[in-house]
N, C-alpha and C. Protein backbone atom coordinates (compact mmCIF):
# COMPACT_ATOMS: atom_id res chain seq x y z
N MET A 1 61.69 1.41 -46.78
CA MET A 1 61.60 2.98 -46.86
C MET A 1 63.14 3.37 -46.79
N PHE A 2 63.95 1.93 -46.13
CA PHE A 2 65.40 2.34 -46.03
C PHE A 2 66.05 1.33 -46.67
N GLY A 3 66.14 1.50 -47.95
CA GLY A 3 66.88 0.52 -48.65
C GLY A 3 67.97 1.31 -49.22
N GLY A 4 68.91 0.57 -49.53
CA GLY A 4 70.68 1.18 -49.99
C GLY A 4 71.03 1.10 -51.38
N ALA A 5 69.87 1.45 -52.22
CA ALA A 5 70.12 1.53 -53.44
C ALA A 5 70.91 2.28 -54.24
N GLY A 6 71.88 1.77 -55.22
CA GLY A 6 73.01 2.87 -55.59
C GLY A 6 74.31 2.59 -55.06
N LEU A 7 74.57 1.66 -53.81
CA LEU A 7 75.84 1.85 -53.10
C LEU A 7 75.95 0.50 -52.87
N ALA A 8 75.26 -0.55 -53.12
CA ALA A 8 75.57 -2.07 -52.72
C ALA A 8 76.82 -2.42 -53.25
N GLY A 9 77.00 -1.70 -54.88
CA GLY A 9 78.71 -2.39 -55.42
C GLY A 9 79.67 -1.83 -54.89
N GLY A 10 80.11 -0.82 -53.84
CA GLY A 10 80.92 -0.75 -53.10
C GLY A 10 81.08 -1.35 -51.85
N LEU A 11 80.63 -2.51 -51.56
CA LEU A 11 80.51 -3.08 -50.33
C LEU A 11 81.73 -4.29 -50.38
N PRO A 12 82.39 -4.52 -49.20
CA PRO A 12 83.20 -6.02 -49.27
C PRO A 12 82.57 -7.46 -49.50
N HIS A 13 83.66 -7.85 -49.81
CA HIS A 13 82.85 -9.31 -50.11
C HIS A 13 82.02 -9.82 -49.03
N GLY A 14 80.99 -10.70 -49.12
CA GLY A 14 80.17 -11.14 -48.11
C GLY A 14 79.16 -10.12 -47.29
N ALA A 15 79.46 -8.69 -47.49
CA ALA A 15 78.72 -7.70 -46.75
C ALA A 15 77.58 -7.50 -47.68
N ASP A 16 76.31 -6.96 -46.67
CA ASP A 16 75.51 -6.56 -47.33
C ASP A 16 74.32 -5.36 -46.99
N GLU A 17 73.63 -5.10 -46.67
CA GLU A 17 73.44 -3.95 -46.30
C GLU A 17 73.34 -3.71 -44.83
N GLU A 18 73.44 -4.56 -44.28
CA GLU A 18 72.91 -4.48 -42.94
C GLU A 18 74.08 -4.25 -42.42
N THR A 19 75.41 -5.02 -42.91
CA THR A 19 76.70 -4.87 -42.66
C THR A 19 77.34 -3.80 -42.26
N PRO A 20 77.87 -3.15 -40.71
CA PRO A 20 78.24 -1.88 -40.69
C PRO A 20 79.68 -1.63 -40.98
N VAL A 21 80.29 -1.22 -42.13
CA VAL A 21 81.17 -1.18 -42.81
C VAL A 21 81.86 0.44 -42.58
N PHE A 22 81.02 1.51 -42.66
CA PHE A 22 81.50 2.49 -43.25
C PHE A 22 81.69 3.45 -41.95
N VAL A 23 82.80 4.26 -41.82
CA VAL A 23 82.96 5.04 -40.80
C VAL A 23 82.73 6.21 -40.98
N ILE A 24 82.42 7.09 -40.03
CA ILE A 24 81.55 8.22 -39.68
C ILE A 24 82.00 9.05 -40.90
N SER A 25 83.02 9.59 -41.38
CA SER A 25 83.23 10.48 -42.18
C SER A 25 82.68 9.73 -43.78
N VAL A 26 82.79 8.69 -43.85
CA VAL A 26 82.57 8.04 -45.02
C VAL A 26 80.76 8.45 -45.29
N ALA A 27 80.33 7.61 -44.27
CA ALA A 27 78.85 7.72 -43.74
C ALA A 27 78.22 9.42 -44.17
N ALA A 28 78.89 10.06 -43.41
CA ALA A 28 78.67 11.60 -43.62
C ALA A 28 78.51 12.27 -45.00
N GLU A 29 79.71 11.33 -45.73
CA GLU A 29 79.56 11.95 -47.37
C GLU A 29 78.71 11.27 -48.11
N LEU A 30 78.36 10.23 -47.59
CA LEU A 30 77.28 9.41 -48.35
C LEU A 30 75.79 9.58 -48.09
N SER A 31 75.69 10.18 -46.66
CA SER A 31 74.61 10.55 -46.72
C SER A 31 73.95 12.06 -46.81
N GLY A 32 75.53 13.06 -47.11
CA GLY A 32 75.02 14.30 -47.69
C GLY A 32 74.71 15.24 -46.09
N LEU A 33 75.30 14.38 -44.74
CA LEU A 33 75.32 15.09 -43.96
C LEU A 33 76.65 15.42 -43.09
N HIS A 34 76.66 16.29 -42.07
CA HIS A 34 77.69 16.44 -41.42
C HIS A 34 78.10 15.60 -40.44
N ALA A 35 79.04 15.04 -40.04
CA ALA A 35 79.50 13.75 -39.28
C ALA A 35 78.76 14.31 -37.89
N GLN A 36 79.02 15.79 -37.36
CA GLN A 36 78.39 16.01 -36.17
C GLN A 36 76.72 15.65 -35.72
N THR A 37 76.45 15.84 -37.20
CA THR A 37 74.57 15.66 -37.38
C THR A 37 74.30 13.95 -36.97
N LEU A 38 75.72 12.97 -37.48
CA LEU A 38 75.40 11.77 -37.60
C LEU A 38 75.72 11.76 -35.90
N ARG A 39 76.48 11.81 -35.21
CA ARG A 39 76.67 12.17 -33.86
C ARG A 39 75.15 11.94 -33.28
N SER A 40 74.61 13.36 -33.72
CA SER A 40 73.68 13.57 -32.93
C SER A 40 72.58 12.69 -32.78
N TYR A 41 72.24 12.10 -34.31
CA TYR A 41 71.59 11.67 -34.42
C TYR A 41 71.38 10.10 -33.93
N ASP A 42 72.84 9.62 -33.72
CA ASP A 42 73.14 8.43 -32.89
C ASP A 42 72.63 8.74 -31.47
N ARG A 43 72.95 9.90 -30.69
CA ARG A 43 72.70 10.20 -29.40
C ARG A 43 71.03 9.89 -29.47
N LEU A 44 70.34 10.55 -30.28
CA LEU A 44 69.05 10.77 -29.97
C LEU A 44 68.30 9.36 -30.55
N GLY A 45 69.02 8.51 -30.61
CA GLY A 45 68.21 6.90 -31.13
C GLY A 45 67.45 7.17 -32.15
N LEU A 46 68.16 8.16 -33.18
CA LEU A 46 67.35 8.17 -35.07
C LEU A 46 67.88 7.01 -35.93
N VAL A 47 69.08 6.90 -35.34
CA VAL A 47 70.18 5.53 -36.16
C VAL A 47 71.01 5.31 -35.34
N SER A 48 70.96 4.09 -35.09
CA SER A 48 72.15 3.67 -34.48
C SER A 48 73.03 2.39 -35.10
N PRO A 49 74.40 3.08 -35.35
CA PRO A 49 75.10 2.45 -36.02
C PRO A 49 75.91 1.36 -35.44
N GLY A 50 76.79 0.36 -35.94
CA GLY A 50 77.44 -0.56 -35.26
C GLY A 50 78.58 -0.01 -34.53
N ARG A 51 79.26 -0.98 -34.09
CA ARG A 51 80.44 -0.30 -33.69
C ARG A 51 81.62 -1.41 -33.84
N SER A 52 82.99 -0.32 -33.95
CA SER A 52 83.97 -1.60 -34.01
C SER A 52 84.71 -1.79 -32.52
N ALA A 53 85.62 -2.73 -32.93
CA ALA A 53 86.36 -3.44 -31.66
C ALA A 53 86.98 -1.90 -30.64
N GLY A 54 86.75 -0.43 -31.27
CA GLY A 54 87.81 0.15 -30.55
C GLY A 54 86.81 1.24 -30.13
N GLY A 55 85.43 0.99 -30.44
CA GLY A 55 84.06 1.80 -30.09
C GLY A 55 83.96 2.75 -31.36
N GLY A 56 84.48 2.91 -32.20
CA GLY A 56 84.50 3.49 -33.30
C GLY A 56 82.71 3.22 -34.12
N ARG A 57 82.33 4.59 -34.72
CA ARG A 57 80.98 3.97 -35.38
C ARG A 57 81.15 3.33 -36.49
N ARG A 58 80.20 2.46 -37.03
CA ARG A 58 80.62 1.85 -38.38
C ARG A 58 78.71 2.07 -38.80
N TYR A 59 78.75 2.10 -40.15
CA TYR A 59 77.60 2.45 -40.60
C TYR A 59 77.21 1.47 -42.00
N SER A 60 75.81 1.06 -41.72
CA SER A 60 75.35 0.03 -43.22
C SER A 60 75.10 0.42 -44.06
N LEU A 61 74.49 0.49 -45.08
CA LEU A 61 73.95 0.88 -46.04
C LEU A 61 72.76 1.16 -45.41
N ARG A 62 72.13 0.24 -44.96
CA ARG A 62 70.57 0.70 -44.12
C ARG A 62 70.84 2.09 -43.71
N ASP A 63 71.68 2.25 -42.72
CA ASP A 63 72.09 3.08 -42.09
C ASP A 63 71.85 4.52 -42.80
N ILE A 64 72.62 4.51 -43.94
CA ILE A 64 72.91 5.60 -44.61
C ILE A 64 71.36 5.83 -45.41
N ALA A 65 70.69 5.04 -45.81
CA ALA A 65 69.53 5.00 -46.29
C ALA A 65 68.63 5.93 -45.47
N GLN A 66 68.79 5.38 -43.90
CA GLN A 66 68.09 6.00 -42.73
C GLN A 66 68.33 7.35 -42.53
N LEU A 67 69.56 7.98 -42.57
CA LEU A 67 70.08 8.84 -42.40
C LEU A 67 69.37 10.16 -43.43
N ARG A 68 69.67 9.38 -44.38
CA ARG A 68 69.07 10.20 -45.77
C ARG A 68 67.10 10.22 -45.65
N GLU A 69 66.95 9.41 -44.79
CA GLU A 69 65.32 9.80 -44.92
C GLU A 69 65.28 10.11 -43.49
N VAL A 70 65.72 10.55 -42.66
CA VAL A 70 65.76 11.70 -41.53
C VAL A 70 65.81 12.49 -41.80
N GLN A 71 66.88 13.23 -42.51
CA GLN A 71 66.98 14.28 -43.16
C GLN A 71 65.48 14.84 -44.13
N ARG A 72 64.94 13.93 -45.32
CA ARG A 72 63.98 14.38 -45.99
C ARG A 72 63.11 14.77 -45.06
N LEU A 73 62.96 13.80 -44.24
CA LEU A 73 61.45 14.07 -43.44
C LEU A 73 61.50 15.25 -42.22
N SER A 74 62.90 15.77 -42.26
CA SER A 74 63.01 16.99 -41.49
C SER A 74 63.28 18.04 -42.31
N GLN A 75 63.87 18.00 -43.50
CA GLN A 75 64.10 19.41 -44.24
C GLN A 75 62.53 19.43 -45.40
N GLU A 76 62.46 18.38 -45.89
CA GLU A 76 61.10 18.19 -46.75
C GLU A 76 59.76 18.35 -45.90
N GLU A 77 59.69 17.46 -45.02
CA GLU A 77 58.24 17.23 -44.61
C GLU A 77 58.05 18.03 -43.36
N GLY A 78 59.14 18.66 -42.99
CA GLY A 78 58.94 19.79 -41.40
C GLY A 78 58.32 18.57 -40.35
N VAL A 79 58.72 17.62 -40.40
CA VAL A 79 58.48 16.65 -38.95
C VAL A 79 59.95 16.75 -38.14
N ASN A 80 59.34 17.58 -36.45
CA ASN A 80 60.67 17.64 -36.05
C ASN A 80 61.46 16.13 -35.43
N LEU A 81 62.83 15.97 -34.58
CA LEU A 81 63.28 15.23 -34.64
C LEU A 81 62.65 13.59 -33.66
N ALA A 82 61.78 14.38 -32.89
CA ALA A 82 60.97 13.30 -32.11
C ALA A 82 59.67 12.56 -32.80
N GLY A 83 59.39 13.65 -33.51
CA GLY A 83 58.44 12.65 -34.31
C GLY A 83 59.02 12.05 -35.38
N ILE A 84 59.85 12.29 -35.84
CA ILE A 84 60.68 11.25 -36.56
C ILE A 84 61.42 10.14 -35.84
N LYS A 85 61.96 9.89 -34.78
CA LYS A 85 62.07 8.91 -34.00
C LYS A 85 60.38 8.21 -33.93
N ARG A 86 59.56 8.58 -33.57
CA ARG A 86 58.15 7.79 -33.82
C ARG A 86 57.76 7.51 -34.64
N ILE A 87 58.13 7.95 -35.63
CA ILE A 87 58.03 7.14 -37.10
C ILE A 87 58.60 6.04 -37.46
N ILE A 88 60.14 5.99 -37.00
CA ILE A 88 60.95 5.39 -36.97
C ILE A 88 60.49 3.79 -36.21
N GLU A 89 59.96 4.25 -35.13
CA GLU A 89 59.83 3.19 -34.15
C GLU A 89 58.58 2.47 -34.63
N LEU A 90 57.63 3.27 -35.22
CA LEU A 90 56.05 2.59 -35.96
C LEU A 90 56.54 2.00 -36.82
N GLU A 91 57.64 2.90 -37.82
CA GLU A 91 58.29 1.52 -38.91
C GLU A 91 58.52 0.01 -38.27
N ASN A 92 59.36 0.16 -37.35
CA ASN A 92 59.80 -1.15 -36.94
C ASN A 92 59.14 -2.05 -36.31
N GLN A 93 57.86 -1.33 -35.72
CA GLN A 93 57.10 -2.23 -35.44
C GLN A 93 56.46 -3.05 -36.39
N VAL A 94 55.87 -2.07 -37.33
CA VAL A 94 54.83 -2.20 -37.92
C VAL A 94 55.85 -3.59 -39.14
N GLU A 95 57.05 -3.70 -39.33
CA GLU A 95 57.89 -4.55 -39.98
C GLU A 95 58.19 -6.04 -39.10
N ALA A 96 58.15 -5.70 -37.58
CA ALA A 96 58.26 -7.00 -36.94
C ALA A 96 56.93 -7.59 -36.62
N LEU A 97 55.79 -6.52 -36.89
CA LEU A 97 54.79 -7.27 -37.23
C LEU A 97 54.26 -8.05 -38.28
N GLN A 98 54.91 -7.70 -39.34
CA GLN A 98 54.75 -8.45 -40.64
C GLN A 98 55.26 -9.72 -40.64
N GLN A 99 56.63 -9.50 -40.20
CA GLN A 99 57.42 -10.73 -40.15
C GLN A 99 56.48 -11.63 -39.13
N ARG A 100 56.08 -11.25 -38.13
CA ARG A 100 55.26 -12.22 -37.22
C ARG A 100 54.14 -12.81 -38.25
N VAL A 101 53.47 -12.16 -38.90
CA VAL A 101 52.02 -12.70 -39.28
C VAL A 101 52.93 -13.73 -40.89
N ALA A 102 53.67 -13.39 -41.00
CA ALA A 102 54.10 -14.31 -42.29
C ALA A 102 54.81 -15.44 -41.71
N GLU A 103 55.21 -15.42 -40.29
CA GLU A 103 55.59 -16.70 -39.44
C GLU A 103 54.38 -17.04 -39.00
N LEU A 104 53.64 -16.76 -38.90
CA LEU A 104 52.25 -17.41 -38.12
C LEU A 104 51.71 -18.22 -39.37
N THR A 105 51.75 -17.57 -40.55
CA THR A 105 50.99 -17.92 -41.83
C THR A 105 51.60 -19.10 -42.17
N GLU A 106 52.89 -19.33 -41.89
CA GLU A 106 53.40 -20.41 -41.95
C GLU A 106 53.38 -21.65 -41.70
N GLU A 107 53.12 -21.47 -40.18
CA GLU A 107 53.00 -22.33 -39.14
C GLU A 107 51.34 -23.01 -39.22
N ILE A 108 50.70 -21.89 -39.92
CA ILE A 108 49.36 -22.16 -40.14
C ILE A 108 49.16 -23.37 -41.30
N ALA A 109 50.03 -22.97 -42.03
CA ALA A 109 49.89 -23.80 -43.62
C ALA A 109 50.46 -25.20 -43.43
N THR A 110 51.52 -25.28 -42.24
CA THR A 110 52.15 -26.54 -42.08
C THR A 110 51.16 -27.22 -41.28
N ALA A 111 50.52 -26.71 -40.48
CA ALA A 111 49.49 -27.49 -39.34
C ALA A 111 47.86 -28.25 -40.38
N TYR A 112 47.75 -27.39 -41.35
CA TYR A 112 46.84 -27.54 -42.06
C TYR A 112 47.41 -28.62 -43.02
N ALA A 113 48.45 -28.87 -43.79
CA ALA A 113 49.34 -29.81 -44.59
C ALA A 113 49.41 -30.96 -43.38
N ALA A 114 49.54 -30.86 -41.92
CA ALA A 114 49.59 -31.99 -41.26
C ALA A 114 48.27 -32.62 -40.77
N ALA A 115 47.50 -31.76 -40.92
CA ALA A 115 45.86 -32.01 -40.60
C ALA A 115 45.46 -33.10 -41.63
N GLU A 116 45.69 -32.35 -43.25
CA GLU A 116 45.10 -33.10 -43.93
C GLU A 116 45.91 -34.15 -44.32
N GLN A 117 47.07 -34.51 -43.89
CA GLN A 117 47.79 -36.02 -43.98
C GLN A 117 47.27 -37.07 -42.75
N ALA A 118 46.83 -36.47 -42.02
CA ALA A 118 46.40 -37.39 -40.74
C ALA A 118 44.59 -37.72 -41.16
N ALA A 119 44.13 -36.79 -41.85
CA ALA A 119 42.94 -36.95 -42.31
C ALA A 119 43.02 -38.34 -43.75
N ALA A 120 43.99 -38.05 -44.67
CA ALA A 120 44.14 -39.18 -45.53
C ALA A 120 44.28 -40.08 -44.60
N ALA A 121 45.27 -40.25 -43.79
CA ALA A 121 45.39 -41.62 -42.96
C ALA A 121 44.32 -42.02 -42.15
N VAL A 122 43.74 -41.48 -41.94
CA VAL A 122 42.50 -41.88 -41.50
C VAL A 122 41.47 -42.65 -42.14
N HIS A 123 41.53 -42.23 -43.58
CA HIS A 123 40.44 -42.44 -44.55
C HIS A 123 41.13 -43.83 -45.42
N ALA A 124 42.10 -43.64 -45.06
CA ALA A 124 43.16 -45.07 -45.78
C ALA A 124 42.87 -45.97 -44.96
N SER A 125 42.73 -46.04 -43.47
CA SER A 125 42.50 -47.31 -42.66
C SER A 125 41.10 -47.66 -42.73
N TYR A 126 39.90 -47.16 -43.00
CA TYR A 126 38.74 -47.52 -43.34
C TYR A 126 38.84 -48.86 -43.90
N ARG A 127 37.85 -50.03 -43.54
CA ARG A 127 37.78 -51.54 -44.10
C ARG A 127 37.20 -51.27 -45.20
N LYS A 128 37.87 -52.13 -46.12
CA LYS A 128 37.47 -52.23 -47.53
C LYS A 128 36.43 -53.14 -47.66
N ASP A 129 36.05 -53.92 -46.97
CA ASP A 129 35.24 -55.19 -47.11
C ASP A 129 33.98 -54.78 -46.70
N LEU A 130 33.50 -53.34 -45.84
CA LEU A 130 31.77 -53.14 -45.80
C LEU A 130 31.55 -52.02 -46.98
N VAL A 131 30.34 -52.68 -47.15
CA VAL A 131 29.84 -52.02 -47.99
C VAL A 131 28.71 -50.87 -47.68
N PRO A 132 28.93 -49.75 -47.98
CA PRO A 132 27.94 -48.84 -47.41
C PRO A 132 26.28 -49.19 -48.11
N ALA A 133 25.48 -48.42 -46.96
CA ALA A 133 24.45 -48.93 -47.44
C ALA A 133 23.49 -47.62 -47.95
N ARG A 134 22.71 -48.04 -48.74
CA ARG A 134 22.25 -46.54 -49.82
C ARG A 134 21.31 -45.92 -48.31
N ARG A 135 21.19 -44.75 -48.58
CA ARG A 135 20.66 -43.90 -47.18
C ARG A 135 19.37 -44.05 -47.39
N ASN A 136 18.82 -43.99 -48.78
CA ASN A 136 17.32 -43.60 -48.98
C ASN A 136 16.44 -44.92 -49.07
N ALA A 137 16.94 -46.06 -48.68
CA ALA A 137 16.57 -47.29 -48.89
C ALA A 137 15.14 -47.66 -47.52
N LEU A 138 14.41 -47.70 -47.68
CA LEU A 138 13.18 -47.95 -46.78
C LEU A 138 13.16 -49.56 -46.29
N VAL A 139 13.09 -49.78 -45.21
CA VAL A 139 13.15 -51.26 -44.86
C VAL A 139 12.00 -51.85 -43.94
N VAL A 140 10.84 -52.28 -44.25
CA VAL A 140 9.85 -52.44 -43.04
C VAL A 140 9.97 -53.71 -42.54
N TRP A 141 9.66 -53.59 -41.15
CA TRP A 141 10.22 -54.99 -40.47
C TRP A 141 8.80 -55.28 -39.98
N LYS A 142 8.54 -56.71 -39.97
CA LYS A 142 6.83 -56.99 -39.07
C LYS A 142 7.48 -58.07 -38.37
N PRO A 143 6.96 -57.95 -37.40
CA PRO A 143 7.81 -58.99 -36.25
C PRO A 143 7.05 -59.97 -36.42
N GLY A 144 7.49 -61.17 -36.08
CA GLY A 144 6.71 -62.27 -36.05
C GLY A 144 5.84 -62.87 -34.90
N ARG A 145 4.50 -63.56 -34.84
CA ARG A 145 4.03 -63.63 -33.89
C ARG A 145 4.53 -64.78 -32.69
N ARG A 146 4.36 -65.01 -31.75
CA ARG A 146 4.55 -65.97 -30.99
C ARG A 146 3.76 -66.71 -30.39
């Protein structure tokens, strides 16, 4: 939902879409919003920019995209700010759960591979001098008389 398409070329070397680099005035211009709106969204917890050593807000590309999405949901979809906050929380929760599912899937694959290796080791340890008996053989035993 919150990608930073179109702005990545303007980032400093080594920065990515999560790196807080834009001061509030630049973020306001990039998002098409007023700086005071950005401050309000920060206070409400809709967008939480990073902070500089001096305490100033620093926005990332992800923050800019999120600002745009908040504005779109508000203006085009008619969602109030409380609803937008809940949508963001739920999307963050879904993202975290998807990441956890991916981690668990990887753990299961690793455990399955380890189990297969263990089974192969057990099979490799079987004695080679034993000959399996045919299962459908019939043996009749007649005890001798004493």
